[in-house]
Amino acid sequence: MLKWLPRIINTTNPMQKTFTLFALVLAAVSAACGANNVRPLYSPFIDAVVDTIPAPPDVVVDSLATVVMLRGFEIARITASEGYLETKWFNLDAGRSGGTYTRHPDRVIRLRFFAEPGRDSSTVLRSEAAHRPRLDPSLPEHEAEAMVPIDHAGDSLLQSVLDQLRRAADRVGPTP
């Protein structure tokens, strides 16, 4: 498979050998570090809802997955170990996950949850209900998104998901 590798490593040119080994190590480290990340590089919106949940982040994310699926959302990306959950686009009028293209793009939302370790085995949870106020194909998807306003049906849905999560966390109680 890598028949050319011994020839390059066994070269008599020390600069070529050093450069080649450096490039191989850099490629291996890059592949190992970024290959399995699910959590996006961007941060939550500045006006995301912030709450403290008395459970570790992985437990919170797993509980959120259950709650949002019971509400009819489909999950787009989830990683409990990285503390992240994102739903697929959800059409509020149809009451189900579906495409973003509709006559009323502000009625299509997605939920995102960023869970960070807090104090005493708790989780600082940042939650957002995002929508695309207008469809602009010239922008990357996330740049065209905004938090839904407080009086939006998406915000009410997010609050009800968070209420259900809080009730579940209260029943279980804090972890030692």
N, C-alpha and C. Protein backbone atom coordinates (compact mmCIF):
# COMPACT_ATOMS: atom_id res chain seq x y z
N MET A 1 0.82 -1.19 0.00
CA MET A 1 0.00 0.00 0.00
C MET A 1 0.87 1.26 0.00
N LEU A 2 1.82 1.33 0.90
CA LEU A 2 2.71 2.49 0.96
C LEU A 2 4.13 2.10 0.53
N LYS A 3 4.25 1.55 -0.69
CA LYS A 3 5.54 1.07 -1.17
C LYS A 3 6.56 2.19 -1.32
N TRP A 4 6.10 3.41 -1.54
CA TRP A 4 6.99 4.54 -1.74
C TRP A 4 7.56 5.08 -0.43
N LEU A 5 6.93 4.75 0.71
CA LEU A 5 7.34 5.31 1.99
C LEU A 5 8.78 4.95 2.37
N PRO A 6 9.22 3.69 2.29
CA PRO A 6 10.61 3.39 2.66
C PRO A 6 11.62 4.13 1.79
N ARG A 7 11.30 4.32 0.51
CA ARG A 7 12.22 5.05 -0.38
C ARG A 7 12.41 6.48 0.09
N ILE A 8 11.32 7.14 0.51
CA ILE A 8 11.41 8.53 0.94
C ILE A 8 12.10 8.64 2.29
N ILE A 9 11.77 7.75 3.20
CA ILE A 9 12.38 7.80 4.54
C ILE A 9 13.86 7.45 4.47
N ASN A 10 14.24 6.55 3.60
CA ASN A 10 15.64 6.13 3.50
C ASN A 10 16.45 7.00 2.54
N THR A 11 15.96 8.14 2.18
CA THR A 11 16.69 9.03 1.28
C THR A 11 17.96 9.53 1.94
N THR A 12 18.92 9.92 1.12
CA THR A 12 20.19 10.43 1.67
C THR A 12 20.12 11.93 1.91
N ASN A 13 19.12 12.58 1.37
CA ASN A 13 18.97 14.02 1.54
C ASN A 13 18.30 14.29 2.89
N PRO A 14 19.03 14.85 3.87
CA PRO A 14 18.46 15.05 5.20
C PRO A 14 17.29 16.04 5.23
N MET A 15 17.33 17.06 4.38
CA MET A 15 16.23 18.02 4.34
C MET A 15 14.95 17.36 3.84
N GLN A 16 15.08 16.55 2.80
CA GLN A 16 13.90 15.87 2.25
C GLN A 16 13.33 14.89 3.28
N LYS A 17 14.22 14.20 3.97
CA LYS A 17 13.79 13.23 4.97
C LYS A 17 13.05 13.94 6.12
N THR A 18 13.61 15.05 6.60
CA THR A 18 13.00 15.80 7.69
C THR A 18 11.64 16.35 7.27
N PHE A 19 11.59 16.94 6.09
CA PHE A 19 10.34 17.51 5.60
C PHE A 19 9.27 16.43 5.43
N THR A 20 9.64 15.30 4.87
CA THR A 20 8.69 14.22 4.62
C THR A 20 8.14 13.67 5.93
N LEU A 21 9.02 13.42 6.90
CA LEU A 21 8.57 12.91 8.19
C LEU A 21 7.66 13.92 8.90
N PHE A 22 8.03 15.19 8.82
CA PHE A 22 7.20 16.23 9.42
C PHE A 22 5.81 16.26 8.77
N ALA A 23 5.77 16.19 7.46
CA ALA A 23 4.50 16.21 6.73
C ALA A 23 3.64 15.00 7.09
N LEU A 24 4.26 13.82 7.21
CA LEU A 24 3.52 12.62 7.57
C LEU A 24 2.95 12.70 8.99
N VAL A 25 3.76 13.19 9.92
CA VAL A 25 3.29 13.33 11.31
C VAL A 25 2.16 14.36 11.37
N LEU A 26 2.33 15.48 10.68
CA LEU A 26 1.29 16.51 10.67
C LEU A 26 0.00 15.98 10.07
N ALA A 27 0.07 15.22 9.01
CA ALA A 27 -1.12 14.64 8.38
C ALA A 27 -1.79 13.65 9.33
N ALA A 28 -1.00 12.84 10.02
CA ALA A 28 -1.57 11.85 10.94
C ALA A 28 -2.26 12.54 12.12
N VAL A 29 -1.63 13.56 12.68
CA VAL A 29 -2.21 14.28 13.81
C VAL A 29 -3.48 15.00 13.38
N SER A 30 -3.46 15.62 12.21
CA SER A 30 -4.65 16.32 11.71
C SER A 30 -5.80 15.36 11.51
N ALA A 31 -5.52 14.21 10.95
CA ALA A 31 -6.57 13.22 10.72
C ALA A 31 -7.13 12.70 12.04
N ALA A 32 -6.27 12.50 13.02
CA ALA A 32 -6.72 11.95 14.29
C ALA A 32 -7.51 12.97 15.10
N CYS A 33 -7.14 14.24 15.02
CA CYS A 33 -7.78 15.26 15.85
C CYS A 33 -9.15 15.69 15.35
N GLY A 34 -9.31 15.85 14.06
CA GLY A 34 -10.54 16.45 13.58
C GLY A 34 -11.51 15.51 12.93
N ALA A 35 -11.20 14.26 12.86
CA ALA A 35 -12.02 13.35 12.08
C ALA A 35 -13.37 13.05 12.71
N ASN A 36 -13.45 13.03 14.01
CA ASN A 36 -14.68 12.58 14.65
C ASN A 36 -15.46 13.69 15.34
N ASN A 37 -15.06 14.94 15.18
CA ASN A 37 -15.78 16.03 15.84
C ASN A 37 -17.13 16.25 15.19
N VAL A 38 -18.15 16.36 16.03
CA VAL A 38 -19.49 16.64 15.57
C VAL A 38 -19.87 18.07 15.93
N ARG A 39 -19.43 18.50 17.09
CA ARG A 39 -19.77 19.84 17.56
C ARG A 39 -19.19 20.88 16.61
N PRO A 40 -19.98 21.87 16.23
CA PRO A 40 -19.48 22.88 15.29
C PRO A 40 -18.46 23.80 15.94
N LEU A 41 -17.72 24.50 15.11
CA LEU A 41 -16.71 25.42 15.61
C LEU A 41 -17.31 26.73 16.11
N TYR A 42 -18.52 27.07 15.64
CA TYR A 42 -19.13 28.32 16.08
C TYR A 42 -19.75 28.15 17.47
N SER A 43 -19.95 29.27 18.14
CA SER A 43 -20.53 29.29 19.48
C SER A 43 -22.03 29.49 19.40
N PRO A 44 -22.73 29.27 20.51
CA PRO A 44 -24.17 29.55 20.50
C PRO A 44 -24.42 31.04 20.25
N PHE A 45 -25.63 31.36 19.84
CA PHE A 45 -25.99 32.77 19.67
C PHE A 45 -25.85 33.48 21.00
N ILE A 46 -25.55 34.77 20.94
CA ILE A 46 -25.32 35.55 22.16
C ILE A 46 -26.56 35.57 23.06
N ASP A 47 -27.75 35.47 22.45
CA ASP A 47 -28.98 35.51 23.24
C ASP A 47 -29.57 34.12 23.48
N ALA A 48 -28.72 33.10 23.43
CA ALA A 48 -29.17 31.73 23.72
C ALA A 48 -29.62 31.64 25.18
N VAL A 49 -30.55 30.75 25.43
CA VAL A 49 -31.04 30.53 26.80
C VAL A 49 -29.96 29.78 27.57
N VAL A 50 -29.60 30.28 28.76
CA VAL A 50 -28.57 29.65 29.59
C VAL A 50 -29.23 29.12 30.86
N ASP A 51 -28.93 27.87 31.17
CA ASP A 51 -29.53 27.23 32.34
C ASP A 51 -28.50 26.28 32.95
N THR A 52 -28.65 25.97 34.23
CA THR A 52 -27.80 25.00 34.90
C THR A 52 -28.66 23.79 35.24
N ILE A 53 -28.20 22.62 34.78
CA ILE A 53 -28.94 21.38 35.00
C ILE A 53 -28.10 20.50 35.93
N PRO A 54 -28.70 19.95 37.00
CA PRO A 54 -27.93 19.15 37.96
C PRO A 54 -27.64 17.73 37.48
N ALA A 55 -26.88 17.63 36.40
CA ALA A 55 -26.46 16.34 35.84
C ALA A 55 -25.25 16.58 34.94
N PRO A 56 -24.43 15.57 34.70
CA PRO A 56 -23.28 15.74 33.81
C PRO A 56 -23.72 16.01 32.37
N PRO A 57 -22.87 16.65 31.56
CA PRO A 57 -23.24 17.01 30.19
C PRO A 57 -23.69 15.83 29.33
N ASP A 58 -23.04 14.68 29.44
CA ASP A 58 -23.44 13.55 28.59
C ASP A 58 -24.84 13.05 28.94
N VAL A 59 -25.18 13.08 30.22
CA VAL A 59 -26.52 12.67 30.65
C VAL A 59 -27.55 13.69 30.16
N VAL A 60 -27.22 14.97 30.24
CA VAL A 60 -28.12 16.01 29.77
C VAL A 60 -28.40 15.87 28.28
N VAL A 61 -27.35 15.64 27.49
CA VAL A 61 -27.52 15.51 26.04
C VAL A 61 -28.37 14.28 25.71
N ASP A 62 -28.11 13.17 26.39
CA ASP A 62 -28.92 11.97 26.15
C ASP A 62 -30.38 12.20 26.53
N SER A 63 -30.62 12.90 27.62
CA SER A 63 -32.00 13.21 28.04
C SER A 63 -32.67 14.15 27.04
N LEU A 64 -31.92 15.13 26.56
CA LEU A 64 -32.47 16.04 25.55
C LEU A 64 -32.86 15.29 24.28
N ALA A 65 -32.04 14.33 23.89
CA ALA A 65 -32.35 13.54 22.68
C ALA A 65 -33.70 12.86 22.83
N THR A 66 -33.96 12.31 23.99
CA THR A 66 -35.24 11.66 24.23
C THR A 66 -36.39 12.66 24.18
N VAL A 67 -36.20 13.80 24.83
CA VAL A 67 -37.26 14.81 24.89
C VAL A 67 -37.58 15.36 23.50
N VAL A 68 -36.56 15.71 22.72
CA VAL A 68 -36.84 16.30 21.40
C VAL A 68 -37.44 15.27 20.44
N MET A 69 -37.03 14.02 20.55
CA MET A 69 -37.62 13.00 19.67
C MET A 69 -39.08 12.76 20.03
N LEU A 70 -39.41 12.83 21.32
CA LEU A 70 -40.82 12.69 21.73
C LEU A 70 -41.66 13.85 21.21
N ARG A 71 -41.03 14.99 20.98
CA ARG A 71 -41.73 16.16 20.45
C ARG A 71 -41.85 16.13 18.93
N GLY A 72 -41.29 15.12 18.28
CA GLY A 72 -41.41 14.99 16.83
C GLY A 72 -40.22 15.49 16.04
N PHE A 73 -39.18 15.92 16.74
CA PHE A 73 -37.97 16.37 16.06
C PHE A 73 -37.14 15.17 15.63
N GLU A 74 -36.44 15.32 14.53
CA GLU A 74 -35.42 14.35 14.15
C GLU A 74 -34.07 14.96 14.48
N ILE A 75 -33.13 14.14 14.89
CA ILE A 75 -31.82 14.64 15.30
C ILE A 75 -30.89 14.66 14.08
N ALA A 76 -30.25 15.80 13.88
CA ALA A 76 -29.30 15.94 12.78
C ALA A 76 -27.90 15.53 13.23
N ARG A 77 -27.47 16.05 14.39
CA ARG A 77 -26.14 15.73 14.93
C ARG A 77 -26.23 15.66 16.44
N ILE A 78 -25.53 14.66 16.98
CA ILE A 78 -25.50 14.52 18.44
C ILE A 78 -24.19 13.88 18.84
N THR A 79 -23.62 14.37 19.90
CA THR A 79 -22.47 13.74 20.53
C THR A 79 -22.52 14.07 22.02
N ALA A 80 -22.82 13.07 22.80
CA ALA A 80 -22.89 13.28 24.24
C ALA A 80 -21.52 13.62 24.81
N SER A 81 -20.47 12.99 24.28
CA SER A 81 -19.12 13.23 24.80
C SER A 81 -18.64 14.66 24.54
N GLU A 82 -19.13 15.30 23.47
CA GLU A 82 -18.77 16.68 23.18
C GLU A 82 -19.82 17.66 23.69
N GLY A 83 -20.93 17.15 24.21
CA GLY A 83 -21.96 18.01 24.77
C GLY A 83 -22.71 18.80 23.72
N TYR A 84 -23.17 18.14 22.66
CA TYR A 84 -23.83 18.86 21.58
C TYR A 84 -24.99 18.06 21.00
N LEU A 85 -26.08 18.76 20.72
CA LEU A 85 -27.22 18.16 20.03
C LEU A 85 -27.81 19.22 19.11
N GLU A 86 -28.11 18.81 17.89
CA GLU A 86 -28.75 19.70 16.91
C GLU A 86 -29.85 18.92 16.21
N THR A 87 -31.02 19.52 16.08
CA THR A 87 -32.12 18.84 15.40
C THR A 87 -32.11 19.21 13.92
N LYS A 88 -32.84 18.43 13.15
CA LYS A 88 -33.09 18.79 11.76
C LYS A 88 -34.10 19.94 11.77
N TRP A 89 -34.27 20.57 10.63
CA TRP A 89 -35.26 21.64 10.53
C TRP A 89 -36.64 21.07 10.82
N PHE A 90 -37.43 21.83 11.57
CA PHE A 90 -38.76 21.40 12.02
C PHE A 90 -39.78 22.43 11.56
N ASN A 91 -40.78 21.99 10.81
CA ASN A 91 -41.83 22.87 10.32
C ASN A 91 -42.90 22.99 11.39
N LEU A 92 -43.05 24.19 11.95
CA LEU A 92 -44.02 24.40 13.03
C LEU A 92 -45.45 24.22 12.56
N ASP A 93 -45.74 24.57 11.31
CA ASP A 93 -47.10 24.43 10.80
C ASP A 93 -47.46 22.96 10.59
N ALA A 94 -46.51 22.17 10.08
CA ALA A 94 -46.77 20.74 9.83
C ALA A 94 -46.57 19.91 11.09
N GLY A 95 -45.82 20.43 12.06
CA GLY A 95 -45.56 19.69 13.29
C GLY A 95 -44.61 18.52 13.11
N ARG A 96 -43.71 18.64 12.14
CA ARG A 96 -42.75 17.55 11.90
C ARG A 96 -41.48 18.10 11.26
N SER A 97 -40.44 17.29 11.33
CA SER A 97 -39.19 17.65 10.67
C SER A 97 -39.39 17.57 9.17
N GLY A 98 -38.82 18.51 8.48
CA GLY A 98 -38.96 18.53 7.03
C GLY A 98 -38.03 19.54 6.43
N GLY A 99 -38.22 19.84 5.18
CA GLY A 99 -37.35 20.77 4.46
C GLY A 99 -37.47 22.20 4.96
N THR A 100 -36.50 23.01 4.61
CA THR A 100 -36.48 24.41 5.02
C THR A 100 -37.22 25.28 4.02
N TYR A 101 -37.54 24.75 2.87
CA TYR A 101 -38.12 25.58 1.83
C TYR A 101 -39.64 25.57 1.94
N THR A 102 -40.17 26.71 2.31
CA THR A 102 -41.60 26.90 2.50
C THR A 102 -41.90 28.36 2.21
N ARG A 103 -43.16 28.67 2.09
CA ARG A 103 -43.54 30.08 1.87
C ARG A 103 -43.26 30.93 3.09
N HIS A 104 -43.16 30.28 4.23
CA HIS A 104 -42.95 30.99 5.50
C HIS A 104 -41.70 30.44 6.18
N PRO A 105 -40.50 30.85 5.74
CA PRO A 105 -39.28 30.29 6.33
C PRO A 105 -39.14 30.58 7.82
N ASP A 106 -39.81 31.62 8.31
CA ASP A 106 -39.73 31.91 9.74
C ASP A 106 -40.52 30.91 10.58
N ARG A 107 -41.29 30.02 9.95
CA ARG A 107 -42.05 29.00 10.66
C ARG A 107 -41.32 27.66 10.69
N VAL A 108 -40.06 27.67 10.25
CA VAL A 108 -39.24 26.45 10.25
C VAL A 108 -38.07 26.73 11.19
N ILE A 109 -37.89 25.87 12.20
CA ILE A 109 -36.87 26.10 13.23
C ILE A 109 -35.97 24.88 13.37
N ARG A 110 -34.88 25.10 14.06
CA ARG A 110 -34.01 24.01 14.49
C ARG A 110 -33.56 24.34 15.90
N LEU A 111 -33.43 23.30 16.71
CA LEU A 111 -32.97 23.48 18.10
C LEU A 111 -31.52 23.04 18.19
N ARG A 112 -30.74 23.79 18.96
CA ARG A 112 -29.35 23.42 19.24
C ARG A 112 -29.11 23.53 20.73
N PHE A 113 -28.32 22.60 21.24
CA PHE A 113 -27.99 22.58 22.66
C PHE A 113 -26.49 22.39 22.81
N PHE A 114 -25.87 23.26 23.59
CA PHE A 114 -24.43 23.20 23.88
C PHE A 114 -24.31 22.96 25.38
N ALA A 115 -23.80 21.80 25.77
CA ALA A 115 -23.68 21.44 27.18
C ALA A 115 -22.22 21.48 27.61
N GLU A 116 -21.94 22.27 28.63
CA GLU A 116 -20.58 22.42 29.17
C GLU A 116 -20.56 21.96 30.62
N PRO A 117 -19.47 21.35 31.07
CA PRO A 117 -19.39 20.97 32.48
C PRO A 117 -19.48 22.19 33.38
N GLY A 118 -20.27 22.06 34.44
CA GLY A 118 -20.40 23.13 35.42
C GLY A 118 -19.79 22.69 36.74
N ARG A 119 -20.20 23.34 37.80
CA ARG A 119 -19.69 22.99 39.13
C ARG A 119 -20.50 21.86 39.72
N ASP A 120 -19.86 21.07 40.55
CA ASP A 120 -20.53 19.99 41.30
C ASP A 120 -21.31 19.04 40.39
N SER A 121 -20.67 18.56 39.33
CA SER A 121 -21.26 17.60 38.39
C SER A 121 -22.51 18.12 37.70
N SER A 122 -22.62 19.43 37.58
CA SER A 122 -23.78 19.99 36.88
C SER A 122 -23.36 20.38 35.46
N THR A 123 -24.33 20.86 34.70
CA THR A 123 -24.10 21.24 33.31
C THR A 123 -24.62 22.65 33.07
N VAL A 124 -23.80 23.46 32.42
CA VAL A 124 -24.27 24.76 31.93
C VAL A 124 -24.76 24.50 30.52
N LEU A 125 -26.06 24.67 30.32
CA LEU A 125 -26.68 24.35 29.04
C LEU A 125 -27.07 25.63 28.33
N ARG A 126 -26.58 25.78 27.10
CA ARG A 126 -26.96 26.90 26.25
C ARG A 126 -27.85 26.34 25.15
N SER A 127 -29.05 26.88 25.06
CA SER A 127 -30.06 26.34 24.15
C SER A 127 -30.52 27.44 23.21
N GLU A 128 -30.76 27.05 21.97
CA GLU A 128 -31.25 28.03 21.01
C GLU A 128 -32.26 27.41 20.06
N ALA A 129 -33.24 28.21 19.71
CA ALA A 129 -34.19 27.88 18.66
C ALA A 129 -33.87 28.84 17.52
N ALA A 130 -33.33 28.30 16.44
CA ALA A 130 -32.89 29.13 15.32
C ALA A 130 -33.87 29.01 14.16
N HIS A 131 -33.98 30.08 13.42
CA HIS A 131 -34.76 30.06 12.19
C HIS A 131 -34.01 30.88 11.14
N ARG A 132 -34.46 30.78 9.93
CA ARG A 132 -33.88 31.59 8.86
C ARG A 132 -34.94 32.62 8.47
N PRO A 133 -34.78 33.84 8.93
CA PRO A 133 -35.80 34.87 8.66
C PRO A 133 -36.09 35.02 7.16
N ARG A 134 -35.09 34.82 6.35
CA ARG A 134 -35.27 34.81 4.90
C ARG A 134 -34.26 33.85 4.32
N LEU A 135 -34.65 33.23 3.24
CA LEU A 135 -33.76 32.27 2.60
C LEU A 135 -32.80 33.01 1.68
N ASP A 136 -31.53 32.88 1.96
CA ASP A 136 -30.50 33.53 1.16
C ASP A 136 -29.47 32.48 0.76
N PRO A 137 -29.58 31.95 -0.45
CA PRO A 137 -28.67 30.88 -0.86
C PRO A 137 -27.22 31.32 -1.00
N SER A 138 -26.97 32.63 -0.98
CA SER A 138 -25.59 33.10 -1.12
C SER A 138 -24.81 33.01 0.20
N LEU A 139 -25.52 32.78 1.30
CA LEU A 139 -24.86 32.70 2.61
C LEU A 139 -24.75 31.26 3.07
N PRO A 140 -23.67 30.94 3.81
CA PRO A 140 -23.63 29.62 4.47
C PRO A 140 -24.82 29.51 5.42
N GLU A 141 -25.30 28.30 5.62
CA GLU A 141 -26.54 28.09 6.37
C GLU A 141 -26.55 28.78 7.73
N HIS A 142 -25.49 28.60 8.50
CA HIS A 142 -25.50 29.16 9.86
C HIS A 142 -25.50 30.69 9.85
N GLU A 143 -24.85 31.29 8.86
CA GLU A 143 -24.81 32.76 8.80
C GLU A 143 -26.17 33.36 8.47
N ALA A 144 -27.06 32.58 7.88
CA ALA A 144 -28.40 33.08 7.54
C ALA A 144 -29.39 32.85 8.68
N GLU A 145 -28.94 32.25 9.76
CA GLU A 145 -29.83 31.93 10.88
C GLU A 145 -29.81 33.02 11.94
N ALA A 146 -30.88 33.04 12.72
CA ALA A 146 -30.99 33.95 13.86
C ALA A 146 -31.83 33.26 14.93
N MET A 147 -31.69 33.73 16.16
CA MET A 147 -32.56 33.23 17.23
C MET A 147 -33.99 33.68 16.94
N VAL A 148 -34.95 32.83 17.26
CA VAL A 148 -36.34 33.24 17.10
C VAL A 148 -36.66 34.29 18.16
N PRO A 149 -37.58 35.20 17.87
CA PRO A 149 -37.96 36.19 18.89
C PRO A 149 -38.67 35.51 20.08
N ILE A 150 -38.73 36.21 21.18
CA ILE A 150 -39.31 35.64 22.41
C ILE A 150 -40.78 35.27 22.22
N ASP A 151 -41.53 36.00 21.41
CA ASP A 151 -42.96 35.72 21.23
C ASP A 151 -43.22 34.72 20.09
N HIS A 152 -42.19 34.11 19.55
CA HIS A 152 -42.30 33.15 18.44
C HIS A 152 -42.70 31.77 18.97
N ALA A 153 -43.43 31.01 18.17
CA ALA A 153 -43.84 29.66 18.57
C ALA A 153 -42.63 28.76 18.80
N GLY A 154 -41.53 29.00 18.10
CA GLY A 154 -40.31 28.22 18.30
C GLY A 154 -39.71 28.42 19.67
N ASP A 155 -39.81 29.65 20.19
CA ASP A 155 -39.30 29.92 21.53
C ASP A 155 -40.16 29.20 22.57
N SER A 156 -41.47 29.19 22.36
CA SER A 156 -42.36 28.47 23.28
C SER A 156 -42.04 26.98 23.28
N LEU A 157 -41.77 26.44 22.10
CA LEU A 157 -41.43 25.02 21.99
C LEU A 157 -40.10 24.73 22.69
N LEU A 158 -39.11 25.59 22.52
CA LEU A 158 -37.84 25.43 23.20
C LEU A 158 -38.03 25.47 24.71
N GLN A 159 -38.81 26.43 25.20
CA GLN A 159 -39.05 26.54 26.64
C GLN A 159 -39.74 25.29 27.18
N SER A 160 -40.66 24.72 26.40
CA SER A 160 -41.34 23.52 26.89
C SER A 160 -40.40 22.31 26.91
N VAL A 161 -39.48 22.24 25.95
CA VAL A 161 -38.46 21.17 25.97
C VAL A 161 -37.58 21.33 27.21
N LEU A 162 -37.17 22.57 27.49
CA LEU A 162 -36.32 22.82 28.66
C LEU A 162 -37.07 22.53 29.97
N ASP A 163 -38.34 22.88 30.02
CA ASP A 163 -39.14 22.58 31.22
C ASP A 163 -39.21 21.07 31.46
N GLN A 164 -39.42 20.32 30.38
CA GLN A 164 -39.48 18.86 30.51
C GLN A 164 -38.13 18.30 30.95
N LEU A 165 -37.04 18.86 30.44
CA LEU A 165 -35.70 18.42 30.86
C LEU A 165 -35.48 18.74 32.34
N ARG A 166 -35.87 19.92 32.78
CA ARG A 166 -35.70 20.30 34.19
C ARG A 166 -36.49 19.37 35.11
N ARG A 167 -37.74 19.06 34.72
CA ARG A 167 -38.55 18.15 35.53
C ARG A 167 -37.90 16.78 35.63
N ALA A 168 -37.36 16.29 34.52
CA ALA A 168 -36.69 14.98 34.53
C ALA A 168 -35.44 15.04 35.41
N ALA A 169 -34.68 16.12 35.34
CA ALA A 169 -33.48 16.26 36.16
C ALA A 169 -33.83 16.37 37.64
N ASP A 170 -34.94 17.04 37.96
CA ASP A 170 -35.36 17.16 39.36
C ASP A 170 -35.79 15.81 39.93
N ARG A 171 -36.43 14.98 39.10
CA ARG A 171 -36.86 13.65 39.56
C ARG A 171 -35.66 12.77 39.86
N VAL A 172 -34.64 12.86 39.02
CA VAL A 172 -33.45 12.03 39.19
C VAL A 172 -32.58 12.56 40.31
N GLY A 173 -32.48 13.88 40.41
CA GLY A 173 -31.66 14.50 41.45
C GLY A 173 -30.22 14.64 41.00
N PRO A 174 -29.44 15.41 41.73
CA PRO A 174 -28.05 15.63 41.36
C PRO A 174 -27.23 14.35 41.48
N THR A 175 -26.19 14.28 40.67
CA THR A 175 -25.29 13.13 40.74
C THR A 175 -24.15 13.43 41.70
N PRO A 176 -23.63 12.44 42.38
CA PRO A 176 -22.55 12.70 43.36
C PRO A 176 -21.26 13.07 42.68
